[in-house]
Amino acid sequence: MSQNKELPLVVCSVDGALLGQHGRLLACDELTIRLYCAMGGQFSALTYRTPQGLEALFPGKNRIGPSACCGGSLVYSPASGLVTYAARLEEGAARAAVRDALDQFPEISAQIIHANGKVYVPRGNPYLHAHLREESIGCIMAELEDISAPWVQVRFHGSTAAVAQLEAYLSERSYVGCALHSIRPGCLVMSREEATPQAAFLRLCALQKVPPEDAVFIASDKEDLPVMELAGKSLAVADAPDEVRYRAAKILWPSRDGGVGEYLYSLLK
């Protein structure tokens, strides 16, 4: 169905606003998102999931629009199955960082996300295995030297204490163009410095020819605050942190109660 210009572009911080603490997409949210897209609405995700993980959330027909995966390192189009943008890491620096991490911390695993969206693993551990199961994705096991560039992101998995030590170790060294940040306890991410949620939001708006001031953003976490400053209308689920809810024009139901789906349905009435 063609775009319905009466329905706004809705960009949603999926990991918190849709999945929340329960870690799964509620049936009511899934059905309403499908209906919103089928009626000509535009719905895009902003997520740390890979393209494969996004497909596991939104399979089948009435697919969502272009979405920012891996925290903004990739833009992926579910309709075409293609990556349309990739913030590529500097190969030499990224390889050096992974090599240093694996050499110095034998209990740490590394998950390398290629610019084509595929996931490669030079070394695994139970923490990575649990993450892959949670996201419902597969991976390709390979020696580090055999994993070709370009890469867009590296994720290190381990115990909270081990990952904290790794972050301190890598932060003392220089890896050109690479930025480090934790997305949850036990998971450290390395991506390009400019691969930010706010840059991804602007890119999604441009792809769909919607001015940022005409777009709606649904926030769920502190990382979403810069995006809330760019969107024409910012909303937040009720279980978002206080500072996120204070910036929101409207508070939606909690993620566990289908707040995103309830809001989308209100737009269709």
C-alpha atoms as a PDB file:
ATOM      1  CA  MET A   1       0.000   0.000   0.000  1.00  0.00           C
ATOM      2  CA  SER A   2       1.218   3.528  -0.756  1.00  0.00           C
ATOM      3  CA  GLN A   3       2.090   5.988   1.983  1.00  0.00           C
ATOM      4  CA  ASN A   4      -0.802   7.568   3.857  1.00  0.00           C
ATOM      5  CA  LYS A   5       0.270  11.173   4.319  1.00  0.00           C
ATOM      6  CA  GLU A   6      -2.164  11.647   7.190  1.00  0.00           C
ATOM      7  CA  LEU A   7      -0.175   9.139   9.269  1.00  0.00           C
ATOM      8  CA  PRO A   8       3.194  10.303  10.628  1.00  0.00           C
ATOM      9  CA  LEU A   9       6.517   8.533  10.356  1.00  0.00           C
ATOM     10  CA  VAL A  10       6.965   6.817  13.728  1.00  0.00           C
ATOM     11  CA  VAL A  11      10.514   5.897  14.735  1.00  0.00           C
ATOM     12  CA  CYS A  12      10.636   3.649  17.778  1.00  0.00           C
ATOM     13  CA  SER A  13      13.450   2.790  20.166  1.00  0.00           C
ATOM     14  CA  VAL A  14      12.580  -0.881  19.908  1.00  0.00           C
ATOM     15  CA  ASP A  15      14.823  -2.501  22.519  1.00  0.00           C
ATOM     16  CA  GLY A  16      13.189  -0.700  25.432  1.00  0.00           C
ATOM     17  CA  ALA A  17       9.856   0.570  24.132  1.00  0.00           C
ATOM     18  CA  LEU A  18       8.731  -2.679  22.489  1.00  0.00           C
ATOM     19  CA  LEU A  19      10.786  -5.421  24.123  1.00  0.00           C
ATOM     20  CA  GLY A  20      11.320  -3.904  27.559  1.00  0.00           C
ATOM     21  CA  GLN A  21      12.319  -6.114  30.455  1.00  0.00           C
ATOM     22  CA  HIS A  22      10.277  -9.038  29.125  1.00  0.00           C
ATOM     23  CA  GLY A  23      12.545  -9.215  26.053  1.00  0.00           C
ATOM     24  CA  ARG A  24       9.878 -10.149  23.532  1.00  0.00           C
ATOM     25  CA  LEU A  25       7.450  -8.458  21.153  1.00  0.00           C
ATOM     26  CA  LEU A  26       3.902  -8.565  22.485  1.00  0.00           C
ATOM     27  CA  ALA A  27       1.255  -9.928  20.110  1.00  0.00           C
ATOM     28  CA  CYS A  28      -0.815  -6.743  20.472  1.00  0.00           C
ATOM     29  CA  ASP A  29       2.167  -4.592  19.453  1.00  0.00           C
ATOM     30  CA  GLU A  30       3.051  -6.845  16.524  1.00  0.00           C
ATOM     31  CA  LEU A  31      -0.495  -6.858  15.156  1.00  0.00           C
ATOM     32  CA  THR A  32      -0.904  -3.086  15.503  1.00  0.00           C
ATOM     33  CA  ILE A  33       2.434  -2.359  13.811  1.00  0.00           C
ATOM     34  CA  ARG A  34       1.418  -4.622  10.936  1.00  0.00           C
ATOM     35  CA  LEU A  35      -1.942  -2.830  10.692  1.00  0.00           C
ATOM     36  CA  TYR A  36      -0.298   0.613  10.811  1.00  0.00           C
ATOM     37  CA  CYS A  37       2.035  -0.298   7.949  1.00  0.00           C
ATOM     38  CA  ALA A  38      -0.761  -1.965   5.976  1.00  0.00           C
ATOM     39  CA  MET A  39      -2.801   1.243   6.245  1.00  0.00           C
ATOM     40  CA  GLY A  40       0.040   3.249   4.709  1.00  0.00           C
ATOM     41  CA  GLY A  41       1.773   4.385   7.901  1.00  0.00           C
ATOM     42  CA  GLN A  42       5.547   4.484   8.135  1.00  0.00           C
ATOM     43  CA  PHE A  43       7.138   2.695  11.093  1.00  0.00           C
ATOM     44  CA  SER A  44      10.905   2.433  11.551  1.00  0.00           C
ATOM     45  CA  ALA A  45      12.945   0.800  14.292  1.00  0.00           C
ATOM     46  CA  LEU A  46      16.009   2.119  16.091  1.00  0.00           C
ATOM     47  CA  THR A  47      17.666  -0.907  17.681  1.00  0.00           C
ATOM     48  CA  TYR A  48      20.911  -2.544  18.728  1.00  0.00           C
ATOM     49  CA  ARG A  49      19.745  -5.720  17.030  1.00  0.00           C
ATOM     50  CA  THR A  50      21.388  -6.894  13.819  1.00  0.00           C
ATOM     51  CA  PRO A  51      19.377  -7.015  10.562  1.00  0.00           C
ATOM     52  CA  GLN A  52      18.875 -10.739  11.168  1.00  0.00           C
ATOM     53  CA  GLY A  53      17.600  -9.999  14.664  1.00  0.00           C
ATOM     54  CA  LEU A  54      15.250  -7.334  13.301  1.00  0.00           C
ATOM     55  CA  GLU A  55      13.859  -9.806  10.761  1.00  0.00           C
ATOM     56  CA  ALA A  56      13.190 -12.253  13.589  1.00  0.00           C
ATOM     57  CA  LEU A  57      11.053  -9.579  15.285  1.00  0.00           C
ATOM     58  CA  PHE A  58       9.144  -8.443  12.181  1.00  0.00           C
ATOM     59  CA  PRO A  59       8.834 -11.350   9.718  1.00  0.00           C
ATOM     60  CA  GLY A  60       6.457 -11.751   6.809  1.00  0.00           C
ATOM     61  CA  LYS A  61       4.281  -9.275   4.964  1.00  0.00           C
ATOM     62  CA  ASN A  62       3.509  -5.641   5.746  1.00  0.00           C
ATOM     63  CA  ARG A  63       7.127  -5.162   6.728  1.00  0.00           C
ATOM     64  CA  ILE A  64       8.299  -2.107   8.594  1.00  0.00           C
ATOM     65  CA  GLY A  65      10.240   0.659   6.865  1.00  0.00           C
ATOM     66  CA  PRO A  66      13.995   1.273   6.708  1.00  0.00           C
ATOM     67  CA  SER A  67      15.433   0.805  10.185  1.00  0.00           C
ATOM     68  CA  ALA A  68      18.634   1.599  12.053  1.00  0.00           C
ATOM     69  CA  CYS A  69      20.320  -1.544  13.353  1.00  0.00           C
ATOM     70  CA  CYS A  70      23.345  -2.027  15.600  1.00  0.00           C
ATOM     71  CA  GLY A  71      22.699   1.289  17.353  1.00  0.00           C
ATOM     72  CA  GLY A  72      22.890   3.240  14.083  1.00  0.00           C
ATOM     73  CA  SER A  73      25.923   1.524  12.539  1.00  0.00           C
ATOM     74  CA  LEU A  74      23.697   0.037   9.830  1.00  0.00           C
ATOM     75  CA  VAL A  75      20.532   1.104   8.041  1.00  0.00           C
ATOM     76  CA  TYR A  76      18.623  -1.905   6.790  1.00  0.00           C
ATOM     77  CA  SER A  77      15.561  -2.130   4.552  1.00  0.00           C
ATOM     78  CA  PRO A  78      13.378  -5.143   5.460  1.00  0.00           C
ATOM     79  CA  ALA A  79      11.390  -4.673   2.237  1.00  0.00           C
ATOM     80  CA  SER A  80      14.435  -5.228   0.026  1.00  0.00           C
ATOM     81  CA  GLY A  81      16.588  -7.212   2.453  1.00  0.00           C
ATOM     82  CA  LEU A  82      19.487  -4.850   1.778  1.00  0.00           C
ATOM     83  CA  VAL A  83      21.811  -2.764   3.920  1.00  0.00           C
ATOM     84  CA  THR A  84      21.591   0.791   2.580  1.00  0.00           C
ATOM     85  CA  TYR A  85      24.136   2.435   4.884  1.00  0.00           C
ATOM     86  CA  ALA A  86      27.094   1.139   6.863  1.00  0.00           C
ATOM     87  CA  ALA A  87      29.352   3.153   9.213  1.00  0.00           C
ATOM     88  CA  ARG A  88      32.540   1.220   8.548  1.00  0.00           C
ATOM     89  CA  LEU A  89      35.219   0.778  11.162  1.00  0.00           C
ATOM     90  CA  GLU A  90      38.836   1.516  10.255  1.00  0.00           C
ATOM     91  CA  GLU A  91      40.072  -2.003   9.489  1.00  0.00           C
ATOM     92  CA  GLY A  92      43.543  -1.820  11.013  1.00  0.00           C
ATOM     93  CA  ALA A  93      42.352  -0.232  14.253  1.00  0.00           C
ATOM     94  CA  ALA A  94      39.385  -2.590  14.649  1.00  0.00           C
ATOM     95  CA  ARG A  95      41.477  -5.714  14.056  1.00  0.00           C
ATOM     96  CA  ALA A  96      44.103  -4.509  16.498  1.00  0.00           C
ATOM     97  CA  ALA A  97      41.454  -3.913  19.170  1.00  0.00           C
ATOM     98  CA  VAL A  98      39.926  -7.367  18.742  1.00  0.00           C
ATOM     99  CA  ARG A  99      43.335  -9.035  18.711  1.00  0.00           C
ATOM    100  CA  ASP A 100      44.371  -7.204  21.869  1.00  0.00           C
ATOM    101  CA  ALA A 101      41.110  -8.103  23.601  1.00  0.00           C
ATOM    102  CA  LEU A 102      41.292 -11.805  22.729  1.00  0.00           C
ATOM    103  CA  ASP A 103      44.986 -12.052  23.627  1.00  0.00           C
ATOM    104  CA  GLN A 104      44.683 -10.306  26.991  1.00  0.00           C
ATOM    105  CA  PHE A 105      41.259 -11.593  28.095  1.00  0.00           C
ATOM    106  CA  PRO A 106      40.822 -15.300  27.281  1.00  0.00           C
ATOM    107  CA  GLU A 107      37.376 -15.392  28.935  1.00  0.00           C
ATOM    108  CA  ILE A 108      35.985 -12.672  26.615  1.00  0.00           C
ATOM    109  CA  SER A 109      34.189 -13.450  23.339  1.00  0.00           C
ATOM    110  CA  ALA A 110      34.008 -11.250  20.246  1.00  0.00           C
ATOM    111  CA  GLN A 111      31.073 -10.798  17.879  1.00  0.00           C
ATOM    112  CA  ILE A 112      31.987  -9.021  14.631  1.00  0.00           C
ATOM    113  CA  ILE A 113      29.208  -7.499  12.545  1.00  0.00           C
ATOM    114  CA  HIS A 114      30.081  -7.138   8.870  1.00  0.00           C
ATOM    115  CA  ALA A 115      28.868  -4.304   6.654  1.00  0.00           C
ATOM    116  CA  ASN A 116      26.583  -6.812   4.927  1.00  0.00           C
ATOM    117  CA  GLY A 117      24.853  -7.504   8.260  1.00  0.00           C
ATOM    118  CA  LYS A 118      26.313 -10.980   8.802  1.00  0.00           C
ATOM    119  CA  VAL A 119      27.700 -11.955  12.203  1.00  0.00           C
ATOM    120  CA  TYR A 120      31.140 -13.532  12.597  1.00  0.00           C
ATOM    121  CA  VAL A 121      32.602 -14.968  15.796  1.00  0.00           C
ATOM    122  CA  PRO A 122      36.344 -15.572  16.230  1.00  0.00           C
ATOM    123  CA  ARG A 123      35.781 -16.809  19.789  1.00  0.00           C
ATOM    124  CA  GLY A 124      32.596 -17.561  21.684  1.00  0.00           C
ATOM    125  CA  ASN A 125      31.559 -18.091  25.277  1.00  0.00           C
ATOM    126  CA  PRO A 126      28.313 -18.804  27.169  1.00  0.00           C
ATOM    127  CA  TYR A 127      27.506 -15.075  27.393  1.00  0.00           C
ATOM    128  CA  LEU A 128      27.622 -14.673  23.611  1.00  0.00           C
ATOM    129  CA  HIS A 129      25.661 -17.892  23.121  1.00  0.00           C
ATOM    130  CA  ALA A 130      22.898 -16.565  25.385  1.00  0.00           C
ATOM    131  CA  HIS A 131      22.839 -13.279  23.453  1.00  0.00           C
ATOM    132  CA  LEU A 132      22.521 -15.055  20.085  1.00  0.00           C
ATOM    133  CA  ARG A 133      19.640 -17.137  21.425  1.00  0.00           C
ATOM    134  CA  GLU A 134      17.918 -14.042  22.818  1.00  0.00           C
ATOM    135  CA  GLU A 135      18.135 -12.280  19.468  1.00  0.00           C
ATOM    136  CA  SER A 136      17.282 -15.471  17.504  1.00  0.00           C
ATOM    137  CA  ILE A 137      20.247 -15.122  15.177  1.00  0.00           C
ATOM    138  CA  GLY A 138      22.989 -17.371  13.875  1.00  0.00           C
ATOM    139  CA  CYS A 139      26.667 -16.677  13.381  1.00  0.00           C
ATOM    140  CA  ILE A 140      29.661 -17.804  11.348  1.00  0.00           C
ATOM    141  CA  MET A 141      32.597 -19.124  13.363  1.00  0.00           C
ATOM    142  CA  ALA A 142      35.916 -18.100  11.816  1.00  0.00           C
ATOM    143  CA  GLU A 143      39.504 -17.262  12.691  1.00  0.00           C
ATOM    144  CA  LEU A 144      40.047 -13.541  13.127  1.00  0.00           C
ATOM    145  CA  GLU A 145      42.448 -13.413  10.167  1.00  0.00           C
ATOM    146  CA  ASP A 146      39.802 -14.997   7.921  1.00  0.00           C
ATOM    147  CA  ILE A 147      37.062 -12.459   8.677  1.00  0.00           C
ATOM    148  CA  SER A 148      37.137  -9.975   5.821  1.00  0.00           C
ATOM    149  CA  ALA A 149      36.432  -6.262   6.080  1.00  0.00           C
ATOM    150  CA  PRO A 150      34.513  -4.001   6.172  1.00  0.00           C
ATOM    151  CA  TRP A 151      33.181  -4.290   9.708  1.00  0.00           C
ATOM    152  CA  VAL A 152      30.687  -1.928  11.286  1.00  0.00           C
ATOM    153  CA  GLN A 153      30.665  -3.081  14.898  1.00  0.00           C
ATOM    154  CA  VAL A 154      32.382  -5.376  17.370  1.00  0.00           C
ATOM    155  CA  ARG A 155      30.688  -6.602  20.549  1.00  0.00           C
ATOM    156  CA  PHE A 156      32.613  -8.111  23.415  1.00  0.00           C
ATOM    157  CA  HIS A 157      30.711 -10.411  25.773  1.00  0.00           C
ATOM    158  CA  GLY A 158      31.647 -11.719  29.208  1.00  0.00           C
ATOM    159  CA  SER A 159      30.983 -11.364  32.899  1.00  0.00           C
ATOM    160  CA  THR A 160      30.246  -7.838  34.110  1.00  0.00           C
ATOM    161  CA  ALA A 161      33.596  -7.680  35.906  1.00  0.00           C
ATOM    162  CA  ALA A 162      35.605  -9.011  32.953  1.00  0.00           C
ATOM    163  CA  VAL A 163      33.966  -6.623  30.468  1.00  0.00           C
ATOM    164  CA  ALA A 164      34.594  -3.678  32.807  1.00  0.00           C
ATOM    165  CA  GLN A 165      38.286  -4.640  32.938  1.00  0.00           C
ATOM    166  CA  LEU A 166      38.358  -4.964  29.149  1.00  0.00           C
ATOM    167  CA  GLU A 167      36.801  -1.526  28.718  1.00  0.00           C
ATOM    168  CA  ALA A 168      39.426   0.024  30.995  1.00  0.00           C
ATOM    169  CA  TYR A 169      42.191  -1.782  29.094  1.00  0.00           C
ATOM    170  CA  LEU A 170      41.005  -0.749  25.615  1.00  0.00           C
ATOM    171  CA  SER A 171      40.269   2.823  26.728  1.00  0.00           C
ATOM    172  CA  GLU A 172      43.939   3.285  27.613  1.00  0.00           C
ATOM    173  CA  ARG A 173      44.924   2.507  24.031  1.00  0.00           C
ATOM    174  CA  SER A 174      44.300   4.325  20.767  1.00  0.00           C
ATOM    175  CA  TYR A 175      42.197   2.743  18.043  1.00  0.00           C
ATOM    176  CA  VAL A 176      41.593   5.359  15.356  1.00  0.00           C
ATOM    177  CA  GLY A 177      37.938   6.196  14.707  1.00  0.00           C
ATOM    178  CA  CYS A 178      36.638   3.608  17.176  1.00  0.00           C
ATOM    179  CA  ALA A 179      34.322   4.490  20.062  1.00  0.00           C
ATOM    180  CA  LEU A 180      33.589   2.237  23.026  1.00  0.00           C
ATOM    181  CA  HIS A 181      30.389   2.105  25.056  1.00  0.00           C
ATOM    182  CA  SER A 182      28.421  -0.421  27.088  1.00  0.00           C
ATOM    183  CA  ILE A 183      24.886  -1.262  26.001  1.00  0.00           C
ATOM    184  CA  ARG A 184      24.208  -3.438  29.040  1.00  0.00           C
ATOM    185  CA  PRO A 185      26.232  -5.116  31.796  1.00  0.00           C
ATOM    186  CA  GLY A 186      28.526  -7.682  30.236  1.00  0.00           C
ATOM    187  CA  CYS A 187      28.457  -6.271  26.700  1.00  0.00           C
ATOM    188  CA  LEU A 188      30.935  -3.716  25.363  1.00  0.00           C
ATOM    189  CA  VAL A 189      30.428  -2.283  21.875  1.00  0.00           C
ATOM    190  CA  MET A 190      32.998  -0.786  19.520  1.00  0.00           C
ATOM    191  CA  SER A 191      31.657   1.255  16.600  1.00  0.00           C
ATOM    192  CA  ARG A 192      32.506   4.368  14.623  1.00  0.00           C
ATOM    193  CA  GLU A 193      32.378   7.598  16.600  1.00  0.00           C
ATOM    194  CA  GLU A 194      29.741   9.092  14.308  1.00  0.00           C
ATOM    195  CA  ALA A 195      27.435   6.034  14.442  1.00  0.00           C
ATOM    196  CA  THR A 196      25.016   7.592  16.924  1.00  0.00           C
ATOM    197  CA  PRO A 197      21.247   7.170  17.423  1.00  0.00           C
ATOM    198  CA  GLN A 198      20.656  10.821  16.489  1.00  0.00           C
ATOM    199  CA  ALA A 199      22.557  10.473  13.211  1.00  0.00           C
ATOM    200  CA  ALA A 200      20.583   7.307  12.483  1.00  0.00           C
ATOM    201  CA  PHE A 201      17.287   9.079  13.158  1.00  0.00           C
ATOM    202  CA  LEU A 202      18.131  11.853  10.700  1.00  0.00           C
ATOM    203  CA  ARG A 203      19.171   9.273   8.126  1.00  0.00           C
ATOM    204  CA  LEU A 204      15.873   7.388   8.486  1.00  0.00           C
ATOM    205  CA  CYS A 205      13.912  10.612   8.047  1.00  0.00           C
ATOM    206  CA  ALA A 206      15.898  11.546   4.931  1.00  0.00           C
ATOM    207  CA  LEU A 207      15.427   8.087   3.390  1.00  0.00           C
ATOM    208  CA  GLN A 208      11.670   8.377   3.780  1.00  0.00           C
ATOM    209  CA  LYS A 209      11.561  12.028   2.728  1.00  0.00           C
ATOM    210  CA  VAL A 210      10.080  13.165   6.033  1.00  0.00           C
ATOM    211  CA  PRO A 211      11.432  16.301   7.780  1.00  0.00           C
ATOM    212  CA  PRO A 212      12.566  15.432  11.334  1.00  0.00           C
ATOM    213  CA  GLU A 213      10.136  18.009  12.699  1.00  0.00           C
ATOM    214  CA  ASP A 214       7.257  16.010  11.165  1.00  0.00           C
ATOM    215  CA  ALA A 215       8.367  12.672  12.640  1.00  0.00           C
ATOM    216  CA  VAL A 216       7.314  11.038  15.910  1.00  0.00           C
ATOM    217  CA  PHE A 217       9.942   9.365  18.086  1.00  0.00           C
ATOM    218  CA  ILE A 218       9.119   6.866  20.847  1.00  0.00           C
ATOM    219  CA  ALA A 219      11.865   6.841  23.464  1.00  0.00           C
ATOM    220  CA  SER A 220      12.730   4.371  26.189  1.00  0.00           C
ATOM    221  CA  ASP A 221      16.276   5.028  27.395  1.00  0.00           C
ATOM    222  CA  LYS A 222      18.782   7.767  28.236  1.00  0.00           C
ATOM    223  CA  GLU A 223      20.542   7.170  24.912  1.00  0.00           C
ATOM    224  CA  ASP A 224      17.364   8.415  23.236  1.00  0.00           C
ATOM    225  CA  LEU A 225      17.587  11.918  24.739  1.00  0.00           C
ATOM    226  CA  PRO A 226      19.564  13.453  21.804  1.00  0.00           C
ATOM    227  CA  VAL A 227      17.031  11.991  19.354  1.00  0.00           C
ATOM    228  CA  MET A 228      14.161  13.505  21.335  1.00  0.00           C
ATOM    229  CA  GLU A 229      15.673  16.934  20.673  1.00  0.00           C
ATOM    230  CA  LEU A 230      15.469  16.356  16.902  1.00  0.00           C
ATOM    231  CA  ALA A 231      12.010  14.854  16.511  1.00  0.00           C
ATOM    232  CA  GLY A 232       8.942  17.015  16.011  1.00  0.00           C
ATOM    233  CA  LYS A 233       7.108  15.023  18.664  1.00  0.00           C
ATOM    234  CA  SER A 234       8.756  12.830  21.277  1.00  0.00           C
ATOM    235  CA  LEU A 235       6.892  10.263  23.338  1.00  0.00           C
ATOM    236  CA  ALA A 236       8.103   7.868  26.026  1.00  0.00           C
ATOM    237  CA  VAL A 237       6.878   4.609  27.480  1.00  0.00           C
ATOM    238  CA  ALA A 238       5.917   4.839  31.144  1.00  0.00           C
ATOM    239  CA  ASP A 239       8.774   2.556  32.216  1.00  0.00           C
ATOM    240  CA  ALA A 240      11.431   4.854  30.706  1.00  0.00           C
ATOM    241  CA  PRO A 241      13.853   6.641  33.090  1.00  0.00           C
ATOM    242  CA  ASP A 242      12.620   9.859  34.718  1.00  0.00           C
ATOM    243  CA  GLU A 243      14.752  12.196  32.574  1.00  0.00           C
ATOM    244  CA  VAL A 244      13.336  10.606  29.403  1.00  0.00           C
ATOM    245  CA  ARG A 245       9.738  10.911  30.565  1.00  0.00           C
ATOM    246  CA  TYR A 246      10.276  14.566  31.566  1.00  0.00           C
ATOM    247  CA  ARG A 247      11.285  15.388  27.963  1.00  0.00           C
ATOM    248  CA  ALA A 248       8.321  13.601  26.399  1.00  0.00           C
ATOM    249  CA  ALA A 249       5.227  15.356  25.084  1.00  0.00           C
ATOM    250  CA  LYS A 250       3.169  12.304  26.059  1.00  0.00           C
ATOM    251  CA  ILE A 251       3.664   9.256  28.241  1.00  0.00           C
ATOM    252  CA  LEU A 252       2.500   5.962  26.745  1.00  0.00           C
ATOM    253  CA  TRP A 253       1.522   2.799  28.545  1.00  0.00           C
ATOM    254  CA  PRO A 254       4.502   0.737  29.798  1.00  0.00           C
ATOM    255  CA  SER A 255       6.221  -1.552  27.307  1.00  0.00           C
ATOM    256  CA  ARG A 256       4.878  -4.610  29.143  1.00  0.00           C
ATOM    257  CA  ASP A 257       1.324  -3.344  28.513  1.00  0.00           C
ATOM    258  CA  GLY A 258       1.688  -2.620  24.796  1.00  0.00           C
ATOM    259  CA  GLY A 259       2.125   1.155  24.945  1.00  0.00           C
ATOM    260  CA  VAL A 260       3.497   1.439  21.397  1.00  0.00           C
ATOM    261  CA  GLY A 261       0.658  -0.580  19.907  1.00  0.00           C
ATOM    262  CA  GLU A 262      -1.955   1.406  21.811  1.00  0.00           C
ATOM    263  CA  TYR A 263      -0.493   4.676  20.471  1.00  0.00           C
ATOM    264  CA  LEU A 264      -0.357   3.453  16.862  1.00  0.00           C
ATOM    265  CA  TYR A 265      -3.953   2.268  17.104  1.00  0.00           C
ATOM    266  CA  SER A 266      -4.999   5.721  18.330  1.00  0.00           C
ATOM    267  CA  LEU A 267      -3.520   7.217  15.142  1.00  0.00           C
ATOM    268  CA  LEU A 268      -5.654   4.903  13.022  1.00  0.00           C
ATOM    269  CA  LYS A 269      -8.972   5.791  14.681  1.00  0.00           C
END
